[in-house]
Amino acid sequence: MTRNTPNDRKLKALHQKKNAGWREKDMPARSKSGRSDRTPRFRNDTKKWCIFIGLSLIFSILLFPSILTSTKTYNLGDVADRDMKASREFLVENNELTEKNRQEAVRAALPVYDFDPTATDVVPRVREAFAEGRKYLADALKLAWMSTSPEEAQKEHLAITNAFQTRFFEILDIPENNAFSHTLMMNDFSPKAESVAIRLVSDVFKRGVVGNQAMLMSYRGKGIILQNIKDGKEEAVLGLDRFYDLETAIVLVREQGRSLTQTLWPKKLAQAALELAVSLIKPNLTFNKRETALRKEAAGESVKPFFFKVKKGEIFIREGERINPEQLVKLSAQYKYLKQKKMLGRVPAMAVLIAFLLVSMYQLSLMKTRSTDSEIRDLLLNAVMLLVIFFVVIAFNFVAIETARGFHFFSPRALFGGSIFSLQEPCCMPYRLRAAPCLSVCFTALSPPPDFP
């Protein structure tokens, strides 16, 4: 066993002291309280900000769950899961009644008929045709005197005769009829025959001749719009019996012709004049389809939409009912209003929430330069307490709505307020000041408004 000399003891003490110095350098500095003075990874102020930001985000999501979820939409025939009230007084277009009124206006629009009292200038055409006939006779007589041989005269006469007949029937716009044209030639295109033909057709065309009598009679009792294509004037005509159809007009011309042709001689000339008048009878009253369609369209567009009023607070859908077309229109108008109101309704709630957070930060002295761990724990406890109260309020809100659905004489707002004020018990006295701002935000944002479906 070795014996420690005084020098050995001195060296050992020096070595221990040296090792103790190295351990003191390696160990973190500690305060007088025994805690380390090394800077932590997150400062206390940063922890406060994280708590407040996280709390505000949670509140925002709880206040506005529609941010994450879409509004339930109903289709025709769906069953309503709750009563739906009108959020405000609004007007809803009654499409069925509006369409009915438009159809009635379209049906009430009178059809338009174009009336040509001159029957495409039939009288001037008759006069022109007879004048051409007299000119033909004069030219034929002149040609006969100037011809050198009978064969040449006959050939030229045949050529001008064919040309005249073609021209004659083109002017009159009737099919060729060599029989009565030959009769007129033999009687030198008598002015009396011309006058009789003009008189017969003029009387008929002044009354009007329609091609489709059945279609015209379908507007009996309603009337038509008679549009004169010569002067553009219009008149409403109710008595449609004044107009002739084509067959009736021909019969009438033949009956009148028997008395008028008695002054003509020979009878072949009278018959030719009558056949000419009958051939000239054509409809001068025609249905204007395009103008009628335009007027019907204008009449339909002139009808203003029909609206019915929905009073504020009116329950337009009961729970368990199937959605019908009228209710679907009202519901669409309701959702349209709520969609416009949604962003406007969030602004005050968010303002209250921000004010609450600012007051809370001020009360908790967030702007202090230093914060202790105990203050962070207190702040975290307050945040948890607020969240618990918030969830309690949400539960009360749900219970109030479900209770009001079973008892219609209670409003959800009244039940919700009663539930909230039931918290004011002596056991809750220590938390009143802390819970008051949160309750105000919850009551403002979560209480079921009467206009929410």
Protein backbone atom coordinates (compact mmCIF):
# COMPACT_ATOMS: atom_id res chain seq x y z
CA MET A 1 0.00 0.00 0.00
CA THR A 2 1.42 3.25 -1.13
CA ARG A 3 1.52 6.18 1.10
CA ASN A 4 0.28 9.55 -0.06
CA THR A 5 2.87 12.21 0.33
CA PRO A 6 1.97 15.92 0.68
CA ASN A 7 3.05 16.50 -2.90
CA ASP A 8 0.75 13.79 -4.16
CA ARG A 9 -2.13 15.29 -2.29
CA LYS A 10 -1.43 18.72 -3.83
CA LEU A 11 -1.28 17.28 -7.36
CA LYS A 12 -4.54 15.41 -6.85
CA ALA A 13 -6.33 18.52 -5.57
CA LEU A 14 -5.00 20.55 -8.53
CA HIS A 15 -6.18 17.88 -10.97
CA GLN A 16 -9.66 17.78 -9.44
CA LYS A 17 -9.93 21.55 -9.60
CA LYS A 18 -8.90 21.55 -13.23
CA ASN A 19 -11.51 18.91 -14.11
CA ALA A 20 -14.18 20.85 -12.24
CA GLY A 21 -13.39 23.95 -14.34
CA TRP A 22 -13.85 22.02 -17.54
CA ARG A 23 -17.22 20.68 -16.31
CA GLU A 24 -18.38 24.18 -15.44
CA LYS A 25 -17.54 25.36 -18.97
CA ASP A 26 -19.43 22.45 -20.53
CA MET A 27 -22.53 22.83 -18.34
CA PRO A 28 -25.19 25.45 -19.42
CA ALA A 29 -25.40 28.57 -17.40
CA ARG A 30 -28.12 28.53 -14.77
CA SER A 31 -29.84 31.29 -12.96
CA LYS A 32 -30.03 31.68 -9.25
CA SER A 33 -33.37 29.86 -9.24
CA GLY A 34 -31.72 26.78 -10.63
CA ARG A 35 -33.12 27.13 -14.16
CA SER A 36 -31.03 27.23 -17.27
CA ASP A 37 -30.33 30.63 -18.82
CA ARG A 38 -29.99 29.16 -22.35
CA THR A 39 -32.44 30.77 -24.86
CA PRO A 40 -35.39 28.36 -25.51
CA ARG A 41 -36.38 27.31 -29.04
CA PHE A 42 -39.70 29.29 -28.90
CA ARG A 43 -39.99 32.51 -27.00
CA ASN A 44 -42.98 33.06 -24.72
CA ASP A 45 -44.33 35.88 -26.90
CA THR A 46 -44.23 33.56 -29.91
CA LYS A 47 -46.20 30.98 -27.97
CA LYS A 48 -48.81 33.61 -27.12
CA TRP A 49 -49.19 34.58 -30.75
CA CYS A 50 -49.55 30.95 -31.78
CA ILE A 51 -52.26 30.42 -29.18
CA PHE A 52 -54.20 33.50 -30.31
CA ILE A 53 -53.88 32.73 -34.01
CA GLY A 54 -54.91 29.12 -33.54
CA LEU A 55 -57.82 30.15 -31.32
CA SER A 56 -59.03 32.71 -33.88
CA LEU A 57 -58.84 30.15 -36.69
CA ILE A 58 -60.83 27.62 -34.67
CA PHE A 59 -63.42 30.28 -33.83
CA SER A 60 -63.72 31.30 -37.47
CA ILE A 61 -64.34 27.71 -38.58
CA LEU A 62 -66.87 27.16 -35.79
CA LEU A 63 -68.62 30.45 -36.48
CA PHE A 64 -68.82 29.89 -40.23
CA PRO A 65 -68.98 26.14 -40.92
CA SER A 66 -70.32 26.99 -44.38
CA ILE A 67 -66.75 27.86 -45.33
CA LEU A 68 -65.98 24.15 -45.35
CA THR A 69 -69.44 22.79 -46.20
CA SER A 70 -71.85 23.67 -48.98
CA THR A 71 -75.50 24.62 -48.47
CA LYS A 72 -77.94 21.79 -48.95
CA THR A 73 -79.89 22.14 -52.16
CA TYR A 74 -83.33 20.74 -52.84
CA ASN A 75 -84.68 19.43 -56.11
CA LEU A 76 -88.22 18.92 -57.28
CA GLY A 77 -89.81 16.08 -55.32
CA ASP A 78 -87.30 16.08 -52.45
CA VAL A 79 -88.61 15.87 -48.87
CA ALA A 80 -87.92 18.91 -46.67
CA ASP A 81 -86.10 18.06 -43.45
CA ARG A 82 -87.22 21.23 -41.66
CA ASP A 83 -89.67 24.11 -41.80
CA MET A 84 -88.47 26.94 -44.01
CA LYS A 85 -89.50 30.55 -43.43
CA ALA A 86 -89.24 33.53 -45.69
CA SER A 87 -86.24 35.57 -44.59
CA ARG A 88 -87.80 38.79 -45.79
CA GLU A 89 -90.64 40.05 -47.91
CA PHE A 90 -89.83 39.34 -51.53
CA LEU A 91 -91.50 38.86 -54.88
CA VAL A 92 -91.40 35.58 -56.77
CA GLU A 93 -92.30 35.34 -60.42
CA ASN A 94 -95.19 33.02 -61.11
CA ASN A 95 -93.91 31.42 -64.29
CA GLU A 96 -97.05 29.39 -64.84
CA LEU A 97 -99.39 32.38 -64.61
CA THR A 98 -97.01 34.57 -66.61
CA GLU A 99 -96.84 31.97 -69.37
CA LYS A 100 -100.61 31.63 -69.28
CA ASN A 101 -101.05 35.39 -69.68
CA ARG A 102 -98.56 35.41 -72.53
CA GLN A 103 -100.39 32.63 -74.31
CA GLU A 104 -103.66 34.49 -73.87
CA ALA A 105 -102.07 37.65 -75.28
CA VAL A 106 -100.74 35.67 -78.24
CA ARG A 107 -104.15 34.15 -78.87
CA ALA A 108 -105.79 37.57 -78.57
CA ALA A 109 -103.53 39.04 -81.25
CA LEU A 110 -105.58 39.42 -84.42
CA PRO A 111 -104.32 37.78 -87.60
CA VAL A 112 -103.26 40.09 -90.41
CA TYR A 113 -104.71 39.79 -93.91
CA ASP A 114 -103.35 41.73 -96.86
CA PHE A 115 -106.13 43.26 -98.96
CA ASP A 116 -105.58 44.45 -102.50
CA PRO A 117 -108.74 46.30 -103.61
CA THR A 118 -107.43 46.62 -107.17
CA ALA A 119 -106.61 42.90 -107.47
CA THR A 120 -103.15 43.67 -108.87
CA ASP A 121 -104.53 46.47 -111.10
CA VAL A 122 -107.03 44.26 -112.88
CA VAL A 123 -108.97 47.16 -114.40
CA PRO A 124 -105.92 48.83 -116.02
CA ARG A 125 -104.85 45.42 -117.31
CA VAL A 126 -108.22 44.81 -118.98
CA ARG A 127 -108.11 48.25 -120.59
CA GLU A 128 -104.55 47.66 -121.78
CA ALA A 129 -105.41 44.23 -123.22
CA PHE A 130 -108.39 45.57 -125.19
CA ALA A 131 -106.27 48.47 -126.42
CA GLU A 132 -103.66 45.98 -127.63
CA GLY A 133 -106.44 44.04 -129.38
CA ARG A 134 -107.65 47.09 -131.28
CA LYS A 135 -104.08 47.93 -132.22
CA TYR A 136 -103.63 44.38 -133.49
CA LEU A 137 -106.66 44.69 -135.71
CA ALA A 138 -105.38 47.95 -137.15
CA ASP A 139 -101.95 46.46 -137.84
CA ALA A 140 -103.45 43.38 -139.43
CA LEU A 141 -105.61 45.50 -141.75
CA LYS A 142 -102.63 47.65 -142.70
CA LEU A 143 -100.55 44.53 -143.37
CA ALA A 144 -103.23 43.10 -145.61
CA TRP A 145 -103.21 46.22 -147.77
CA MET A 146 -99.42 46.30 -148.02
CA SER A 147 -98.84 42.62 -148.74
CA THR A 148 -97.80 41.68 -152.32
CA SER A 149 -99.05 38.10 -152.34
CA PRO A 150 -101.80 36.23 -150.44
CA GLU A 151 -99.36 33.58 -149.21
CA GLU A 152 -97.04 36.17 -147.71
CA ALA A 153 -99.96 38.09 -146.24
CA GLN A 154 -101.33 34.93 -144.60
CA LYS A 155 -97.94 34.01 -143.22
CA GLU A 156 -97.36 37.45 -141.71
CA HIS A 157 -100.93 37.59 -140.39
CA LEU A 158 -100.45 34.26 -138.62
CA ALA A 159 -97.20 35.45 -137.03
CA ILE A 160 -98.65 38.70 -135.64
CA THR A 161 -101.78 36.85 -134.48
CA ASN A 162 -99.79 34.38 -132.46
CA ALA A 163 -97.68 37.18 -131.01
CA PHE A 164 -100.80 39.17 -130.12
CA GLN A 165 -102.56 36.30 -128.40
CA THR A 166 -99.49 35.59 -126.28
CA ARG A 167 -99.23 39.23 -125.36
CA PHE A 168 -102.99 39.53 -124.73
CA PHE A 169 -103.14 36.70 -122.19
CA GLU A 170 -99.89 37.78 -120.52
CA ILE A 171 -101.38 41.19 -119.83
CA LEU A 172 -104.56 39.67 -118.40
CA ASP A 173 -102.56 36.99 -116.54
CA ILE A 174 -105.04 34.25 -117.43
CA PRO A 175 -104.72 30.95 -119.31
CA GLU A 176 -105.00 31.17 -123.08
CA ASN A 177 -108.48 30.63 -124.51
CA ASN A 178 -108.59 30.93 -128.28
CA ALA A 179 -112.38 30.62 -128.39
CA PHE A 180 -113.31 33.84 -126.59
CA SER A 181 -110.26 35.69 -127.92
CA HIS A 182 -111.43 34.86 -131.45
CA THR A 183 -114.92 36.09 -130.50
CA LEU A 184 -113.47 39.37 -129.26
CA MET A 185 -111.48 39.73 -132.49
CA MET A 186 -114.56 39.16 -134.59
CA ASN A 187 -116.35 41.92 -132.65
CA ASP A 188 -113.42 44.35 -132.87
CA PHE A 189 -112.78 44.12 -129.09
CA SER A 190 -116.04 45.85 -128.29
CA PRO A 191 -115.82 48.63 -125.69
CA LYS A 192 -119.14 47.43 -124.27
CA ALA A 193 -117.70 43.98 -123.60
CA GLU A 194 -114.72 45.66 -121.96
CA SER A 195 -117.01 47.71 -119.68
CA VAL A 196 -119.10 44.70 -118.70
CA ALA A 197 -116.03 42.65 -117.77
CA ILE A 198 -114.61 45.52 -115.72
CA ARG A 199 -117.88 46.07 -113.88
CA LEU A 200 -118.29 42.42 -113.03
CA VAL A 201 -114.82 42.00 -111.52
CA SER A 202 -114.77 45.39 -109.80
CA ASP A 203 -117.84 44.69 -107.68
CA VAL A 204 -116.42 41.39 -106.46
CA PHE A 205 -112.92 42.62 -105.72
CA LYS A 206 -114.22 45.56 -103.68
CA ARG A 207 -115.75 43.11 -101.24
CA GLY A 208 -112.73 40.83 -101.18
CA VAL A 209 -112.06 37.29 -102.35
CA VAL A 210 -110.22 34.91 -100.00
CA GLY A 211 -108.52 31.71 -101.04
CA ASN A 212 -109.01 29.72 -97.79
CA GLN A 213 -112.50 30.43 -96.51
CA ALA A 214 -112.31 27.79 -93.77
CA MET A 215 -109.23 29.39 -92.24
CA LEU A 216 -110.83 32.82 -92.37
CA MET A 217 -114.00 31.57 -90.70
CA SER A 218 -111.93 30.14 -87.83
CA TYR A 219 -111.44 33.74 -86.68
CA ARG A 220 -115.19 34.43 -86.57
CA GLY A 221 -116.08 36.22 -83.36
CA LYS A 222 -112.50 37.37 -82.98
CA GLY A 223 -111.96 39.36 -86.14
CA ILE A 224 -108.97 40.13 -88.31
CA ILE A 225 -106.73 43.06 -89.17
CA LEU A 226 -107.33 44.14 -92.75
CA GLN A 227 -104.21 45.77 -94.14
CA ASN A 228 -104.60 47.67 -97.37
CA ILE A 229 -101.43 47.08 -99.35
CA LYS A 230 -102.02 50.15 -101.49
CA ASP A 231 -102.23 52.88 -98.85
CA GLY A 232 -101.01 50.91 -95.81
CA LYS A 233 -104.14 51.61 -93.76
CA GLU A 234 -105.39 49.02 -91.33
CA GLU A 235 -108.81 48.29 -89.94
CA ALA A 236 -110.22 45.68 -87.61
CA VAL A 237 -112.94 43.63 -89.26
CA LEU A 238 -115.34 41.55 -87.16
CA GLY A 239 -117.92 40.64 -89.80
CA LEU A 240 -116.13 38.09 -91.93
CA ASP A 241 -119.20 37.13 -93.95
CA ARG A 242 -118.61 40.09 -96.24
CA PHE A 243 -115.75 38.26 -97.96
CA TYR A 244 -116.25 35.74 -100.75
CA ASP A 245 -114.42 32.56 -101.33
CA LEU A 246 -113.28 31.77 -104.86
CA GLU A 247 -116.22 29.52 -105.80
CA THR A 248 -118.80 31.91 -104.38
CA ALA A 249 -117.25 34.83 -106.26
CA ILE A 250 -117.38 32.93 -109.57
CA VAL A 251 -121.01 31.99 -109.00
CA LEU A 252 -121.84 35.59 -108.18
CA VAL A 253 -120.11 36.88 -111.32
CA ARG A 254 -122.05 34.42 -113.47
CA GLU A 255 -125.36 35.43 -111.88
CA GLN A 256 -124.68 39.13 -112.33
CA GLY A 257 -123.38 38.52 -115.84
CA ARG A 258 -126.73 37.19 -117.03
CA SER A 259 -128.33 40.59 -116.53
CA LEU A 260 -125.40 42.71 -117.64
CA THR A 261 -124.74 40.80 -120.85
CA GLN A 262 -128.30 41.28 -122.12
CA THR A 263 -127.18 44.57 -123.68
CA LEU A 264 -124.45 42.82 -125.67
CA TRP A 265 -125.02 41.40 -129.10
CA PRO A 266 -124.33 38.81 -130.35
CA LYS A 267 -124.65 36.32 -127.52
CA LYS A 268 -121.22 34.92 -128.25
CA LEU A 269 -119.76 38.31 -127.38
CA ALA A 270 -121.73 38.40 -124.13
CA GLN A 271 -120.53 34.89 -123.30
CA ALA A 272 -116.93 35.85 -124.12
CA ALA A 273 -117.13 38.91 -121.83
CA LEU A 274 -118.55 36.73 -119.05
CA GLU A 275 -115.83 34.10 -119.49
CA LEU A 276 -113.23 36.83 -119.41
CA ALA A 277 -114.61 38.19 -116.11
CA VAL A 278 -114.70 34.69 -114.58
CA SER A 279 -111.10 34.04 -115.64
CA LEU A 280 -109.97 37.24 -113.94
CA ILE A 281 -111.42 36.24 -110.52
CA LYS A 282 -108.52 35.50 -108.14
CA PRO A 283 -108.08 35.92 -104.38
CA ASN A 284 -107.16 39.46 -103.37
CA LEU A 285 -107.37 38.76 -99.62
CA THR A 286 -104.36 36.73 -98.42
CA PHE A 287 -103.14 35.72 -94.99
CA ASN A 288 -99.90 37.48 -94.00
CA LYS A 289 -98.17 34.78 -92.01
CA ARG A 290 -94.97 36.71 -91.26
CA GLU A 291 -96.69 39.86 -90.03
CA THR A 292 -99.08 37.82 -87.92
CA ALA A 293 -96.20 35.93 -86.30
CA LEU A 294 -94.37 39.18 -85.54
CA ARG A 295 -97.43 40.70 -83.92
CA LYS A 296 -98.07 37.60 -81.84
CA GLU A 297 -94.47 37.65 -80.68
CA ALA A 298 -94.70 41.34 -79.79
CA ALA A 299 -97.95 40.70 -77.90
CA GLY A 300 -96.31 37.92 -75.89
CA GLU A 301 -93.27 40.04 -75.05
CA SER A 302 -95.44 42.96 -73.97
CA VAL A 303 -96.91 40.91 -71.12
CA LYS A 304 -95.17 41.79 -67.87
CA PRO A 305 -94.14 38.98 -65.53
CA PHE A 306 -96.66 38.15 -62.83
CA PHE A 307 -95.27 38.17 -59.28
CA PHE A 308 -96.77 36.99 -56.02
CA LYS A 309 -95.63 38.37 -52.69
CA VAL A 310 -94.12 36.23 -49.94
CA LYS A 311 -94.42 37.81 -46.50
CA LYS A 312 -91.55 37.86 -44.06
CA GLY A 313 -91.79 34.96 -41.63
CA GLU A 314 -94.19 33.02 -43.84
CA ILE A 315 -93.53 29.28 -43.70
CA PHE A 316 -93.60 28.23 -47.32
CA ILE A 317 -92.28 24.68 -46.80
CA ARG A 318 -93.28 22.40 -43.95
CA GLU A 319 -91.10 19.64 -42.62
CA GLY A 320 -91.81 16.36 -44.38
CA GLU A 321 -93.45 17.94 -47.43
CA ARG A 322 -92.37 17.13 -50.95
CA ILE A 323 -90.98 20.12 -52.82
CA ASN A 324 -93.39 21.22 -55.54
CA PRO A 325 -92.53 23.62 -58.40
CA GLU A 326 -93.97 26.68 -56.65
CA GLN A 327 -92.07 25.97 -53.42
CA LEU A 328 -88.90 25.34 -55.41
CA VAL A 329 -89.18 28.81 -56.96
CA LYS A 330 -89.65 30.38 -53.52
CA LEU A 331 -86.74 28.38 -52.12
CA SER A 332 -84.50 29.50 -54.97
CA ALA A 333 -85.38 33.13 -54.27
CA GLN A 334 -84.68 32.54 -50.56
CA TYR A 335 -81.26 31.01 -51.22
CA LYS A 336 -80.42 33.82 -53.61
CA TYR A 337 -81.14 36.37 -50.88
CA LEU A 338 -79.21 34.41 -48.25
CA LYS A 339 -76.25 34.04 -50.60
CA GLN A 340 -76.11 37.82 -50.98
CA LYS A 341 -76.52 38.29 -47.26
CA LYS A 342 -73.96 35.68 -46.23
CA MET A 343 -70.85 37.83 -46.68
CA LEU A 344 -72.57 40.89 -45.24
CA GLY A 345 -73.54 38.89 -42.16
CA ARG A 346 -69.98 37.72 -41.56
CA VAL A 347 -68.53 41.20 -41.39
CA PRO A 348 -70.12 42.21 -38.02
CA ALA A 349 -69.41 38.80 -36.50
CA MET A 350 -65.77 38.91 -37.52
CA ALA A 351 -65.53 42.48 -36.25
CA VAL A 352 -66.84 41.36 -32.85
CA LEU A 353 -64.42 38.45 -32.85
CA ILE A 354 -61.43 40.63 -33.70
CA ALA A 355 -62.46 43.13 -31.04
CA PHE A 356 -62.71 40.33 -28.53
CA LEU A 357 -59.22 39.09 -29.42
CA LEU A 358 -57.74 42.57 -29.19
CA VAL A 359 -59.33 43.15 -25.80
CA SER A 360 -58.11 39.79 -24.67
CA MET A 361 -54.58 40.56 -25.81
CA TYR A 362 -54.70 43.87 -24.04
CA GLN A 363 -56.04 42.36 -20.84
CA LEU A 364 -53.42 39.62 -20.89
CA SER A 365 -50.61 42.11 -21.59
CA LEU A 366 -49.40 40.52 -24.80
CA MET A 367 -47.22 43.49 -25.54
CA LYS A 368 -45.01 42.93 -22.48
CA THR A 369 -41.36 42.53 -23.27
CA ARG A 370 -41.07 39.37 -21.21
CA SER A 371 -43.56 36.62 -20.38
CA THR A 372 -43.12 33.85 -17.89
CA ASP A 373 -44.04 30.21 -18.31
CA SER A 374 -46.84 30.60 -15.76
CA GLU A 375 -48.48 33.27 -17.92
CA ILE A 376 -48.33 30.95 -20.94
CA ARG A 377 -50.01 28.23 -18.93
CA ASP A 378 -52.72 30.64 -17.79
CA LEU A 379 -53.27 31.79 -21.37
CA LEU A 380 -53.52 28.21 -22.60
CA LEU A 381 -55.99 27.43 -19.82
CA ASN A 382 -58.12 30.42 -20.82
CA ALA A 383 -58.07 29.33 -24.46
CA VAL A 384 -59.19 25.83 -23.56
CA MET A 385 -61.92 27.26 -21.33
CA LEU A 386 -63.18 29.47 -24.15
CA LEU A 387 -63.26 26.55 -26.53
CA VAL A 388 -65.21 24.47 -24.01
CA ILE A 389 -67.73 27.29 -23.55
CA PHE A 390 -67.95 27.69 -27.30
CA PHE A 391 -68.77 24.00 -27.78
CA VAL A 392 -71.34 24.21 -24.96
CA VAL A 393 -73.00 27.14 -26.73
CA ILE A 394 -73.06 25.19 -30.00
CA ALA A 395 -74.71 22.29 -28.18
CA PHE A 396 -77.29 24.66 -26.67
CA ASN A 397 -77.92 26.11 -30.10
CA PHE A 398 -78.56 22.64 -31.56
CA VAL A 399 -80.87 21.71 -28.67
CA ALA A 400 -82.79 24.99 -29.05
CA ILE A 401 -83.37 24.42 -32.76
CA GLU A 402 -84.49 20.82 -32.31
CA THR A 403 -86.77 21.78 -29.42
CA ALA A 404 -88.34 24.62 -31.40
CA ARG A 405 -89.06 22.21 -34.26
CA GLY A 406 -91.23 20.15 -31.89
CA PHE A 407 -92.83 23.13 -30.11
CA HIS A 408 -93.67 25.81 -32.64
CA PHE A 409 -94.88 28.26 -29.99
CA PHE A 410 -91.24 28.60 -28.83
CA SER A 411 -88.74 30.38 -31.03
CA PRO A 412 -85.18 29.00 -31.27
CA ARG A 413 -83.80 32.39 -30.25
CA ALA A 414 -85.80 32.45 -27.02
CA LEU A 415 -84.81 28.90 -26.11
CA PHE A 416 -81.19 29.63 -26.97
CA GLY A 417 -81.16 32.75 -24.79
CA GLY A 418 -82.70 30.86 -21.90
CA SER A 419 -80.06 28.18 -22.18
CA ILE A 420 -77.27 30.72 -22.21
CA PHE A 421 -78.52 32.64 -19.18
CA SER A 422 -78.96 29.39 -17.30
CA LEU A 423 -75.15 29.36 -17.04
CA GLN A 424 -75.28 32.35 -14.67
CA GLU A 425 -75.18 30.23 -11.54
CA PRO A 426 -73.11 30.96 -8.44
CA CYS A 427 -70.76 28.16 -9.40
CA CYS A 428 -69.92 30.03 -12.59
CA MET A 429 -69.18 33.35 -10.90
CA PRO A 430 -65.40 33.05 -11.18
CA TYR A 431 -65.66 32.63 -14.95
CA ARG A 432 -68.22 35.32 -15.81
CA LEU A 433 -65.71 37.96 -16.79
CA ARG A 434 -63.75 35.51 -18.89
CA ALA A 435 -66.81 33.96 -20.51
CA ALA A 436 -68.71 37.20 -21.23
CA PRO A 437 -66.85 38.14 -24.45
CA CYS A 438 -67.07 34.59 -25.77
CA LEU A 439 -70.77 34.36 -24.95
CA SER A 440 -71.44 37.64 -26.74
CA VAL A 441 -69.69 36.37 -29.85
CA CYS A 442 -71.46 33.02 -29.66
CA PHE A 443 -74.87 34.57 -29.07
CA THR A 444 -74.38 36.94 -32.00
CA ALA A 445 -73.07 34.38 -34.48
CA LEU A 446 -74.68 31.12 -33.47
CA SER A 447 -78.16 32.07 -32.32
CA PRO A 448 -80.55 30.80 -35.01
CA PRO A 449 -81.97 33.82 -36.82
CA PRO A 450 -85.63 33.57 -37.84
CA ASP A 451 -84.79 34.07 -41.50
CA PHE A 452 -82.40 31.16 -41.82
CA PRO A 453 -83.93 28.13 -43.54
